[in-house]
């Protein structure tokens, strides 16, 4: 399994993991610095909530809140989750404190497409 951990800012991280059985939904995100963008998110079947996860070219890509953890090998992490695929003010309860995660999630798709 090919895994790449990319630490973007202290409290956000995204992970690229080989994964071919994941399907994603397109959602709308009001990013903090890039305006409104389409992002991919996955539904967690156990909770019924959508998470900042996506699938590009057979790789699952995750955006987590690592809660300022300094342990890169085993960071404490928390999913960014929402009841639907609209990651905008008024529909996502964590919008004001976690809006930067939307930029991270959207930007990694752009970076990923340049790298691969």
C-alpha atoms as a PDB file:
ATOM      1  CA  UNK A   1       0.000   0.000   0.000  1.00  0.00           C
ATOM      2  CA  UNK A   2       1.399   3.378  -1.023  1.00  0.00           C
ATOM      3  CA  UNK A   3       0.813   6.039   1.620  1.00  0.00           C
ATOM      4  CA  UNK A   4       1.897   9.669   1.670  1.00  0.00           C
ATOM      5  CA  UNK A   5       1.292  11.939   4.607  1.00  0.00           C
ATOM      6  CA  UNK A   6       1.430  15.621   3.755  1.00  0.00           C
ATOM      7  CA  UNK A   7       1.271  18.080   6.627  1.00  0.00           C
ATOM      8  CA  UNK A   8      -0.073  21.379   5.363  1.00  0.00           C
ATOM      9  CA  UNK A   9      -0.615  23.494   8.465  1.00  0.00           C
ATOM     10  CA  UNK A  10      -0.376  22.645  12.154  1.00  0.00           C
ATOM     11  CA  UNK A  11      -3.994  21.598  12.594  1.00  0.00           C
ATOM     12  CA  UNK A  12      -4.894  20.190   9.169  1.00  0.00           C
ATOM     13  CA  UNK A  13      -3.482  17.165   7.418  1.00  0.00           C
ATOM     14  CA  UNK A  14      -4.378  15.105   4.414  1.00  0.00           C
ATOM     15  CA  UNK A  15      -3.430  11.563   3.633  1.00  0.00           C
ATOM     16  CA  UNK A  16      -3.156   9.802   0.293  1.00  0.00           C
ATOM     17  CA  UNK A  17      -3.887   6.070   0.573  1.00  0.00           C
ATOM     18  CA  UNK A  18      -4.325   3.403  -2.099  1.00  0.00           C
ATOM     19  CA  UNK A  19      -8.001   2.708  -2.203  1.00  0.00           C
ATOM     20  CA  UNK A  20     -10.033   1.507  -5.162  1.00  0.00           C
ATOM     21  CA  UNK A  21     -13.394   0.674  -3.569  1.00  0.00           C
ATOM     22  CA  UNK A  22     -14.290   4.161  -2.380  1.00  0.00           C
ATOM     23  CA  UNK A  23     -16.941   6.241  -4.117  1.00  0.00           C
ATOM     24  CA  UNK A  24     -17.310   9.948  -3.548  1.00  0.00           C
ATOM     25  CA  UNK A  25     -20.037  12.572  -3.839  1.00  0.00           C
ATOM     26  CA  UNK A  26     -19.478  16.067  -5.141  1.00  0.00           C
ATOM     27  CA  UNK A  27     -20.262  18.829  -2.681  1.00  0.00           C
ATOM     28  CA  UNK A  28     -20.121  22.605  -2.545  1.00  0.00           C
ATOM     29  CA  UNK A  29     -17.574  24.268  -0.252  1.00  0.00           C
ATOM     30  CA  UNK A  30     -17.254  27.935   0.685  1.00  0.00           C
ATOM     31  CA  UNK A  31     -13.496  27.955   1.099  1.00  0.00           C
ATOM     32  CA  UNK A  32     -11.863  30.716   3.083  1.00  0.00           C
ATOM     33  CA  UNK A  33      -9.393  31.850   0.402  1.00  0.00           C
ATOM     34  CA  UNK A  34     -10.545  30.286  -2.886  1.00  0.00           C
ATOM     35  CA  UNK A  35     -14.258  31.118  -2.932  1.00  0.00           C
ATOM     36  CA  UNK A  36     -16.907  28.526  -3.675  1.00  0.00           C
ATOM     37  CA  UNK A  37     -15.454  25.266  -5.026  1.00  0.00           C
ATOM     38  CA  UNK A  38     -16.647  21.759  -5.807  1.00  0.00           C
ATOM     39  CA  UNK A  39     -15.105  19.188  -3.478  1.00  0.00           C
ATOM     40  CA  UNK A  40     -15.452  15.455  -3.004  1.00  0.00           C
ATOM     41  CA  UNK A  41     -16.709  13.935   0.213  1.00  0.00           C
ATOM     42  CA  UNK A  42     -17.641  10.445   1.351  1.00  0.00           C
ATOM     43  CA  UNK A  43     -20.580   9.280   3.417  1.00  0.00           C
ATOM     44  CA  UNK A  44     -19.732   7.358   6.567  1.00  0.00           C
ATOM     45  CA  UNK A  45     -22.281   4.541   6.622  1.00  0.00           C
ATOM     46  CA  UNK A  46     -22.124   4.110  10.404  1.00  0.00           C
ATOM     47  CA  UNK A  47     -22.902   7.752  11.270  1.00  0.00           C
ATOM     48  CA  UNK A  48     -24.690   8.797   8.068  1.00  0.00           C
ATOM     49  CA  UNK A  49     -22.530  11.943   7.951  1.00  0.00           C
ATOM     50  CA  UNK A  50     -20.304  13.128   5.097  1.00  0.00           C
ATOM     51  CA  UNK A  51     -16.574  13.491   5.680  1.00  0.00           C
ATOM     52  CA  UNK A  52     -13.808  15.396   3.888  1.00  0.00           C
ATOM     53  CA  UNK A  53     -12.565  12.404   1.942  1.00  0.00           C
ATOM     54  CA  UNK A  54     -12.206  11.897  -1.780  1.00  0.00           C
ATOM     55  CA  UNK A  55     -10.944   9.570  -4.456  1.00  0.00           C
ATOM     56  CA  UNK A  56      -8.626  10.635  -7.263  1.00  0.00           C
ATOM     57  CA  UNK A  57      -6.892   8.211  -9.610  1.00  0.00           C
ATOM     58  CA  UNK A  58      -7.461   5.254  -7.275  1.00  0.00           C
ATOM     59  CA  UNK A  59      -6.145   7.025  -4.170  1.00  0.00           C
ATOM     60  CA  UNK A  60      -8.305   7.857  -1.181  1.00  0.00           C
ATOM     61  CA  UNK A  61      -7.556  11.358   0.112  1.00  0.00           C
ATOM     62  CA  UNK A  62      -8.513  12.377   3.647  1.00  0.00           C
ATOM     63  CA  UNK A  63      -8.547  15.759   5.381  1.00  0.00           C
ATOM     64  CA  UNK A  64      -8.495  15.554   9.180  1.00  0.00           C
ATOM     65  CA  UNK A  65      -8.209  17.918  12.090  1.00  0.00           C
ATOM     66  CA  UNK A  66      -5.095  16.665  13.887  1.00  0.00           C
ATOM     67  CA  UNK A  67      -5.726  18.937  16.879  1.00  0.00           C
ATOM     68  CA  UNK A  68      -2.197  20.446  16.878  1.00  0.00           C
ATOM     69  CA  UNK A  69      -0.599  17.013  17.331  1.00  0.00           C
ATOM     70  CA  UNK A  70       3.160  16.940  16.822  1.00  0.00           C
ATOM     71  CA  UNK A  71       3.320  13.172  16.279  1.00  0.00           C
ATOM     72  CA  UNK A  72       3.313  12.843  12.476  1.00  0.00           C
ATOM     73  CA  UNK A  73       3.421   9.010  12.568  1.00  0.00           C
ATOM     74  CA  UNK A  74       0.331   8.628  14.780  1.00  0.00           C
ATOM     75  CA  UNK A  75      -1.436  11.976  14.979  1.00  0.00           C
ATOM     76  CA  UNK A  76      -4.526  12.383  17.108  1.00  0.00           C
ATOM     77  CA  UNK A  77      -7.144  13.040  14.472  1.00  0.00           C
ATOM     78  CA  UNK A  78     -10.767  13.987  14.140  1.00  0.00           C
ATOM     79  CA  UNK A  79     -12.899  13.796  11.016  1.00  0.00           C
ATOM     80  CA  UNK A  80     -14.435  16.910   9.539  1.00  0.00           C
ATOM     81  CA  UNK A  81     -18.041  15.835   9.111  1.00  0.00           C
ATOM     82  CA  UNK A  82     -21.333  17.305   7.944  1.00  0.00           C
ATOM     83  CA  UNK A  83     -24.925  16.108   7.567  1.00  0.00           C
ATOM     84  CA  UNK A  84     -24.929  16.783   3.801  1.00  0.00           C
ATOM     85  CA  UNK A  85     -22.564  17.623   0.942  1.00  0.00           C
ATOM     86  CA  UNK A  86     -23.012  21.405   1.334  1.00  0.00           C
ATOM     87  CA  UNK A  87     -19.983  22.668   3.270  1.00  0.00           C
ATOM     88  CA  UNK A  88     -21.267  26.225   3.580  1.00  0.00           C
ATOM     89  CA  UNK A  89     -22.240  28.637   6.342  1.00  0.00           C
ATOM     90  CA  UNK A  90     -25.657  27.797   7.722  1.00  0.00           C
ATOM     91  CA  UNK A  91     -25.562  24.098   6.829  1.00  0.00           C
ATOM     92  CA  UNK A  92     -22.259  23.045   8.414  1.00  0.00           C
ATOM     93  CA  UNK A  93     -22.182  23.685  12.149  1.00  0.00           C
ATOM     94  CA  UNK A  94     -18.360  23.816  12.340  1.00  0.00           C
ATOM     95  CA  UNK A  95     -18.074  26.270   9.425  1.00  0.00           C
ATOM     96  CA  UNK A  96     -16.664  29.294  11.277  1.00  0.00           C
ATOM     97  CA  UNK A  97     -13.889  27.418  13.102  1.00  0.00           C
ATOM     98  CA  UNK A  98     -13.026  24.868  10.383  1.00  0.00           C
ATOM     99  CA  UNK A  99     -13.405  26.751   7.096  1.00  0.00           C
ATOM    100  CA  UNK A 100      -9.641  26.510   6.469  1.00  0.00           C
ATOM    101  CA  UNK A 101     -10.007  22.731   6.169  1.00  0.00           C
ATOM    102  CA  UNK A 102     -12.097  23.282   3.044  1.00  0.00           C
ATOM    103  CA  UNK A 103      -9.193  25.151   1.432  1.00  0.00           C
ATOM    104  CA  UNK A 104      -6.856  22.339   2.422  1.00  0.00           C
ATOM    105  CA  UNK A 105      -9.195  19.691   1.014  1.00  0.00           C
ATOM    106  CA  UNK A 106      -9.801  21.542  -2.257  1.00  0.00           C
ATOM    107  CA  UNK A 107      -6.141  22.555  -2.723  1.00  0.00           C
ATOM    108  CA  UNK A 108      -4.833  19.022  -2.316  1.00  0.00           C
ATOM    109  CA  UNK A 109      -6.901  17.976  -5.330  1.00  0.00           C
ATOM    110  CA  UNK A 110      -5.217  20.700  -7.391  1.00  0.00           C
ATOM    111  CA  UNK A 111      -1.778  19.731  -6.044  1.00  0.00           C
ATOM    112  CA  UNK A 112      -2.489  16.030  -6.502  1.00  0.00           C
ATOM    113  CA  UNK A 113      -3.450  16.509 -10.143  1.00  0.00           C
ATOM    114  CA  UNK A 114      -0.164  18.356 -10.787  1.00  0.00           C
ATOM    115  CA  UNK A 115       1.954  15.674  -9.074  1.00  0.00           C
ATOM    116  CA  UNK A 116       0.348  12.598 -10.578  1.00  0.00           C
END
